[in-house]
Amino acid sequence: MKIVFVRHIVFFLIFAFQIVNYNMKHLSVAFFLLLAVFFTTACDSETDGRRFDFDLRGTWYSNDPSRYSGELIIEYDRITILGYLEGQTPLLGDDAERPFGNFTKGTALSGYSESFEANGVRNYIIYIMDVGVWHELASVYYTGSNRNDRFMRINFGARTETLRRE
């Protein structure tokens, strides 16, 4: 019984070796391709695999553009801030209340989010890297009476900015 078992293993190993020898060129190409994929995904971004939650991804607009107007474009691990320019601050207004006032505008910045529940409401901490420094913004995510209406509130100074996703 043991001899038959050992003989089957030997035949299997010889057969496997012949297949590997025949396909060695294809296996080596596949190995290096797989290695390249692992290397590029490991070195892809500054967020180390962290990402924005699926609910936050999309384009967000100012819900009340009468005072400040702008938009956020949130992708997998990038956020782009458009608008919210200095000229939008009222003459005697506090520029610290201007949403995303000190962030670089018009270019994709690295970022990610972390979520937690508080009192039945989903909250997010949004992390944005701008000029080599991580900034964090606390936000509250909620849906309106229509399930397709999605909103996010972020505090800037004493002012709360409400964004609507489309």
C-alpha atoms as a PDB file:
ATOM      1  CA  MET A   1       0.000   0.000   0.000  1.00  0.00           C
ATOM      2  CA  LYS A   2       2.783   2.434   0.925  1.00  0.00           C
ATOM      3  CA  ILE A   3       4.721   1.595  -2.264  1.00  0.00           C
ATOM      4  CA  VAL A   4       1.675   2.280  -4.456  1.00  0.00           C
ATOM      5  CA  PHE A   5       1.101   5.609  -2.698  1.00  0.00           C
ATOM      6  CA  VAL A   6       4.754   6.647  -3.070  1.00  0.00           C
ATOM      7  CA  ARG A   7       4.733   5.570  -6.714  1.00  0.00           C
ATOM      8  CA  HIS A   8       1.658   7.765  -7.380  1.00  0.00           C
ATOM      9  CA  ILE A   9       3.377  10.731  -5.734  1.00  0.00           C
ATOM     10  CA  VAL A  10       6.536  10.177  -7.813  1.00  0.00           C
ATOM     11  CA  PHE A  11       4.523   9.957 -11.061  1.00  0.00           C
ATOM     12  CA  PHE A  12       2.598  13.084 -10.093  1.00  0.00           C
ATOM     13  CA  LEU A  13       5.821  14.991  -9.374  1.00  0.00           C
ATOM     14  CA  ILE A  14       7.386  13.886 -12.683  1.00  0.00           C
ATOM     15  CA  PHE A  15       4.236  14.902 -14.563  1.00  0.00           C
ATOM     16  CA  ALA A  16       4.079  18.265 -12.734  1.00  0.00           C
ATOM     17  CA  PHE A  17       7.763  18.917 -13.467  1.00  0.00           C
ATOM     18  CA  GLN A  18       7.234  18.252 -17.190  1.00  0.00           C
ATOM     19  CA  ILE A  19       4.287  20.674 -17.269  1.00  0.00           C
ATOM     20  CA  VAL A  20       6.277  23.339 -15.423  1.00  0.00           C
ATOM     21  CA  ASN A  21       9.252  22.834 -17.750  1.00  0.00           C
ATOM     22  CA  TYR A  22       6.997  23.198 -20.779  1.00  0.00           C
ATOM     23  CA  ASN A  23       5.241  26.293 -19.422  1.00  0.00           C
ATOM     24  CA  MET A  24       8.200  27.874 -17.619  1.00  0.00           C
ATOM     25  CA  LYS A  25       8.274  30.818 -19.993  1.00  0.00           C
ATOM     26  CA  HIS A  26       4.575  31.522 -19.448  1.00  0.00           C
ATOM     27  CA  LEU A  27       4.841  31.051 -15.684  1.00  0.00           C
ATOM     28  CA  SER A  28       7.763  33.455 -15.388  1.00  0.00           C
ATOM     29  CA  VAL A  29       5.879  36.122 -17.350  1.00  0.00           C
ATOM     30  CA  ALA A  30       2.807  35.611 -15.176  1.00  0.00           C
ATOM     31  CA  PHE A  31       4.922  35.786 -12.014  1.00  0.00           C
ATOM     32  CA  PHE A  32       6.578  39.081 -12.980  1.00  0.00           C
ATOM     33  CA  LEU A  33       3.252  40.549 -14.074  1.00  0.00           C
ATOM     34  CA  LEU A  34       1.706  39.599 -10.742  1.00  0.00           C
ATOM     35  CA  LEU A  35       4.701  41.050  -8.908  1.00  0.00           C
ATOM     36  CA  ALA A  36       4.340  44.323 -10.835  1.00  0.00           C
ATOM     37  CA  VAL A  37       0.642  44.547  -9.967  1.00  0.00           C
ATOM     38  CA  PHE A  38       1.372  44.025  -6.261  1.00  0.00           C
ATOM     39  CA  PHE A  39       4.139  46.631  -6.370  1.00  0.00           C
ATOM     40  CA  THR A  40       2.031  49.295  -8.087  1.00  0.00           C
ATOM     41  CA  THR A  41      -0.959  48.808  -5.799  1.00  0.00           C
ATOM     42  CA  ALA A  42       1.243  48.877  -2.711  1.00  0.00           C
ATOM     43  CA  CYS A  43       2.882  52.148  -3.769  1.00  0.00           C
ATOM     44  CA  ASP A  44      -0.205  53.749  -5.285  1.00  0.00           C
ATOM     45  CA  SER A  45      -1.192  56.508  -2.909  1.00  0.00           C
ATOM     46  CA  GLU A  46      -0.360  58.486   0.179  1.00  0.00           C
ATOM     47  CA  THR A  47      -3.447  57.149   1.972  1.00  0.00           C
ATOM     48  CA  ASP A  48      -1.992  53.642   2.491  1.00  0.00           C
ATOM     49  CA  GLY A  49      -5.092  51.914   1.171  1.00  0.00           C
ATOM     50  CA  ARG A  50      -7.512  54.048   3.168  1.00  0.00           C
ATOM     51  CA  ARG A  51     -10.353  55.517   1.164  1.00  0.00           C
ATOM     52  CA  PHE A  52     -13.450  57.636   1.290  1.00  0.00           C
ATOM     53  CA  ASP A  53     -16.572  55.790   2.362  1.00  0.00           C
ATOM     54  CA  PHE A  54     -18.860  54.891  -0.533  1.00  0.00           C
ATOM     55  CA  ASP A  55     -21.636  57.202   0.763  1.00  0.00           C
ATOM     56  CA  LEU A  56     -19.315  60.206   0.519  1.00  0.00           C
ATOM     57  CA  ARG A  57     -18.135  59.599  -3.031  1.00  0.00           C
ATOM     58  CA  GLY A  58     -19.634  61.837  -5.680  1.00  0.00           C
ATOM     59  CA  THR A  59     -20.053  65.535  -6.325  1.00  0.00           C
ATOM     60  CA  TRP A  60     -21.290  67.715  -3.464  1.00  0.00           C
ATOM     61  CA  TYR A  61     -22.660  71.232  -3.972  1.00  0.00           C
ATOM     62  CA  SER A  62     -23.395  74.082  -1.578  1.00  0.00           C
ATOM     63  CA  ASN A  63     -26.974  73.680  -0.393  1.00  0.00           C
ATOM     64  CA  ASP A  64     -27.260  77.469   0.067  1.00  0.00           C
ATOM     65  CA  PRO A  65     -25.059  79.089  -2.596  1.00  0.00           C
ATOM     66  CA  SER A  66     -26.286  82.604  -1.742  1.00  0.00           C
ATOM     67  CA  ARG A  67     -23.338  83.243   0.609  1.00  0.00           C
ATOM     68  CA  TYR A  68     -20.668  80.724  -0.368  1.00  0.00           C
ATOM     69  CA  SER A  69     -20.702  78.547  -3.428  1.00  0.00           C
ATOM     70  CA  GLY A  70     -18.489  75.672  -4.355  1.00  0.00           C
ATOM     71  CA  GLU A  71     -18.353  71.956  -4.814  1.00  0.00           C
ATOM     72  CA  LEU A  72     -16.461  68.920  -3.620  1.00  0.00           C
ATOM     73  CA  ILE A  73     -15.632  66.044  -5.897  1.00  0.00           C
ATOM     74  CA  ILE A  74     -14.873  62.999  -3.755  1.00  0.00           C
ATOM     75  CA  GLU A  75     -13.386  59.938  -5.418  1.00  0.00           C
ATOM     76  CA  TYR A  76     -11.876  56.722  -4.024  1.00  0.00           C
ATOM     77  CA  ASP A  77      -8.923  58.367  -2.243  1.00  0.00           C
ATOM     78  CA  ARG A  78      -8.966  61.897  -3.673  1.00  0.00           C
ATOM     79  CA  ILE A  79     -10.947  65.061  -3.003  1.00  0.00           C
ATOM     80  CA  THR A  80     -11.068  68.138  -5.227  1.00  0.00           C
ATOM     81  CA  ILE A  81     -12.351  71.457  -3.883  1.00  0.00           C
ATOM     82  CA  LEU A  82     -13.767  73.940  -6.391  1.00  0.00           C
ATOM     83  CA  GLY A  83     -15.107  77.412  -5.611  1.00  0.00           C
ATOM     84  CA  TYR A  84     -15.230  78.797  -2.059  1.00  0.00           C
ATOM     85  CA  LEU A  85     -12.934  81.639  -3.138  1.00  0.00           C
ATOM     86  CA  GLU A  86     -11.783  84.564  -0.987  1.00  0.00           C
ATOM     87  CA  GLY A  87     -14.017  87.010  -2.860  1.00  0.00           C
ATOM     88  CA  GLN A  88     -17.102  85.214  -1.526  1.00  0.00           C
ATOM     89  CA  THR A  89     -16.494  86.339   2.069  1.00  0.00           C
ATOM     90  CA  PRO A  90     -18.840  89.266   2.877  1.00  0.00           C
ATOM     91  CA  LEU A  91     -17.193  92.673   3.394  1.00  0.00           C
ATOM     92  CA  LEU A  92     -17.301  92.548   7.207  1.00  0.00           C
ATOM     93  CA  GLY A  93     -17.516  88.747   7.359  1.00  0.00           C
ATOM     94  CA  ASP A  94     -15.168  86.336   9.098  1.00  0.00           C
ATOM     95  CA  ASP A  95     -12.984  84.520   6.556  1.00  0.00           C
ATOM     96  CA  ALA A  96     -12.558  81.644   9.050  1.00  0.00           C
ATOM     97  CA  GLU A  97     -16.202  80.784   8.294  1.00  0.00           C
ATOM     98  CA  ARG A  98     -15.501  80.367   4.570  1.00  0.00           C
ATOM     99  CA  PRO A  99     -15.775  76.639   3.771  1.00  0.00           C
ATOM    100  CA  PHE A 100     -12.471  75.045   2.837  1.00  0.00           C
ATOM    101  CA  GLY A 101     -10.888  78.507   3.023  1.00  0.00           C
ATOM    102  CA  ASN A 102      -7.290  77.435   3.552  1.00  0.00           C
ATOM    103  CA  PHE A 103      -7.286  74.410   1.258  1.00  0.00           C
ATOM    104  CA  THR A 104      -5.757  74.266  -2.209  1.00  0.00           C
ATOM    105  CA  LYS A 105      -8.508  74.609  -4.818  1.00  0.00           C
ATOM    106  CA  GLY A 106      -8.875  72.963  -8.206  1.00  0.00           C
ATOM    107  CA  THR A 107      -6.486  70.046  -7.729  1.00  0.00           C
ATOM    108  CA  ALA A 108      -7.037  66.529  -6.422  1.00  0.00           C
ATOM    109  CA  LEU A 109      -5.814  66.160  -2.841  1.00  0.00           C
ATOM    110  CA  SER A 110      -5.209  62.851  -1.071  1.00  0.00           C
ATOM    111  CA  GLY A 111      -7.783  61.941   1.517  1.00  0.00           C
ATOM    112  CA  TYR A 112      -9.886  59.343   3.257  1.00  0.00           C
ATOM    113  CA  SER A 113     -12.696  59.103   5.787  1.00  0.00           C
ATOM    114  CA  GLU A 114     -13.483  57.229   8.969  1.00  0.00           C
ATOM    115  CA  SER A 115     -17.060  56.771  10.140  1.00  0.00           C
ATOM    116  CA  PHE A 116     -18.778  56.270  13.464  1.00  0.00           C
ATOM    117  CA  GLU A 117     -22.353  56.291  14.747  1.00  0.00           C
ATOM    118  CA  ALA A 118     -23.489  58.766  17.392  1.00  0.00           C
ATOM    119  CA  ASN A 119     -27.132  58.966  18.525  1.00  0.00           C
ATOM    120  CA  GLY A 120     -28.264  57.061  15.447  1.00  0.00           C
ATOM    121  CA  VAL A 121     -26.560  59.507  13.063  1.00  0.00           C
ATOM    122  CA  ARG A 122     -23.620  58.617  10.829  1.00  0.00           C
ATOM    123  CA  ASN A 123     -20.648  60.885  11.430  1.00  0.00           C
ATOM    124  CA  TYR A 124     -17.434  61.050   9.454  1.00  0.00           C
ATOM    125  CA  ILE A 125     -14.015  62.398  10.076  1.00  0.00           C
ATOM    126  CA  ILE A 126     -12.696  63.516   6.691  1.00  0.00           C
ATOM    127  CA  TYR A 127      -8.910  63.588   6.375  1.00  0.00           C
ATOM    128  CA  ILE A 128      -7.369  65.731   3.638  1.00  0.00           C
ATOM    129  CA  MET A 129      -3.651  66.086   2.912  1.00  0.00           C
ATOM    130  CA  ASP A 130      -2.833  69.580   1.725  1.00  0.00           C
ATOM    131  CA  VAL A 131       0.714  70.931   1.411  1.00  0.00           C
ATOM    132  CA  GLY A 132       2.121  67.869   3.195  1.00  0.00           C
ATOM    133  CA  VAL A 133      -0.113  68.231   6.273  1.00  0.00           C
ATOM    134  CA  TRP A 134      -3.123  66.089   7.216  1.00  0.00           C
ATOM    135  CA  HIS A 135      -6.216  68.137   8.119  1.00  0.00           C
ATOM    136  CA  GLU A 136      -9.344  66.658   9.634  1.00  0.00           C
ATOM    137  CA  LEU A 137     -12.915  67.857   9.348  1.00  0.00           C
ATOM    138  CA  ALA A 138     -15.812  66.512  11.376  1.00  0.00           C
ATOM    139  CA  SER A 139     -18.965  65.996   9.333  1.00  0.00           C
ATOM    140  CA  VAL A 140     -22.464  64.619   9.722  1.00  0.00           C
ATOM    141  CA  TYR A 141     -24.015  62.618   6.867  1.00  0.00           C
ATOM    142  CA  TYR A 142     -27.784  62.218   6.546  1.00  0.00           C
ATOM    143  CA  THR A 143     -30.512  61.574   4.003  1.00  0.00           C
ATOM    144  CA  GLY A 144     -33.538  63.761   3.403  1.00  0.00           C
ATOM    145  CA  SER A 145     -37.185  62.755   3.210  1.00  0.00           C
ATOM    146  CA  ASN A 146     -36.484  61.458  -0.291  1.00  0.00           C
ATOM    147  CA  ARG A 147     -33.904  58.651  -0.002  1.00  0.00           C
ATOM    148  CA  ASN A 148     -32.032  60.131  -2.973  1.00  0.00           C
ATOM    149  CA  ASP A 149     -31.448  63.415  -1.109  1.00  0.00           C
ATOM    150  CA  ARG A 150     -28.102  63.153   0.645  1.00  0.00           C
ATOM    151  CA  PHE A 151     -26.597  65.885   2.784  1.00  0.00           C
ATOM    152  CA  MET A 152     -23.403  66.501   4.708  1.00  0.00           C
ATOM    153  CA  ARG A 153     -22.843  69.170   7.366  1.00  0.00           C
ATOM    154  CA  ILE A 154     -19.366  70.477   8.156  1.00  0.00           C
ATOM    155  CA  ASN A 155     -18.525  73.215  10.686  1.00  0.00           C
ATOM    156  CA  PHE A 156     -16.177  76.038   9.695  1.00  0.00           C
ATOM    157  CA  GLY A 157     -15.618  78.357  12.623  1.00  0.00           C
ATOM    158  CA  ALA A 158     -19.028  79.345  13.968  1.00  0.00           C
ATOM    159  CA  ARG A 159     -20.734  78.562  10.660  1.00  0.00           C
ATOM    160  CA  THR A 160     -22.122  75.244   9.448  1.00  0.00           C
ATOM    161  CA  GLU A 161     -21.930  74.513   5.727  1.00  0.00           C
ATOM    162  CA  THR A 162     -24.500  72.078   4.370  1.00  0.00           C
ATOM    163  CA  LEU A 163     -23.586  70.248   1.168  1.00  0.00           C
ATOM    164  CA  ARG A 164     -25.960  68.334  -1.074  1.00  0.00           C
ATOM    165  CA  ARG A 165     -24.861  65.386  -3.227  1.00  0.00           C
ATOM    166  CA  GLU A 166     -26.138  65.074  -6.759  1.00  0.00           C
END
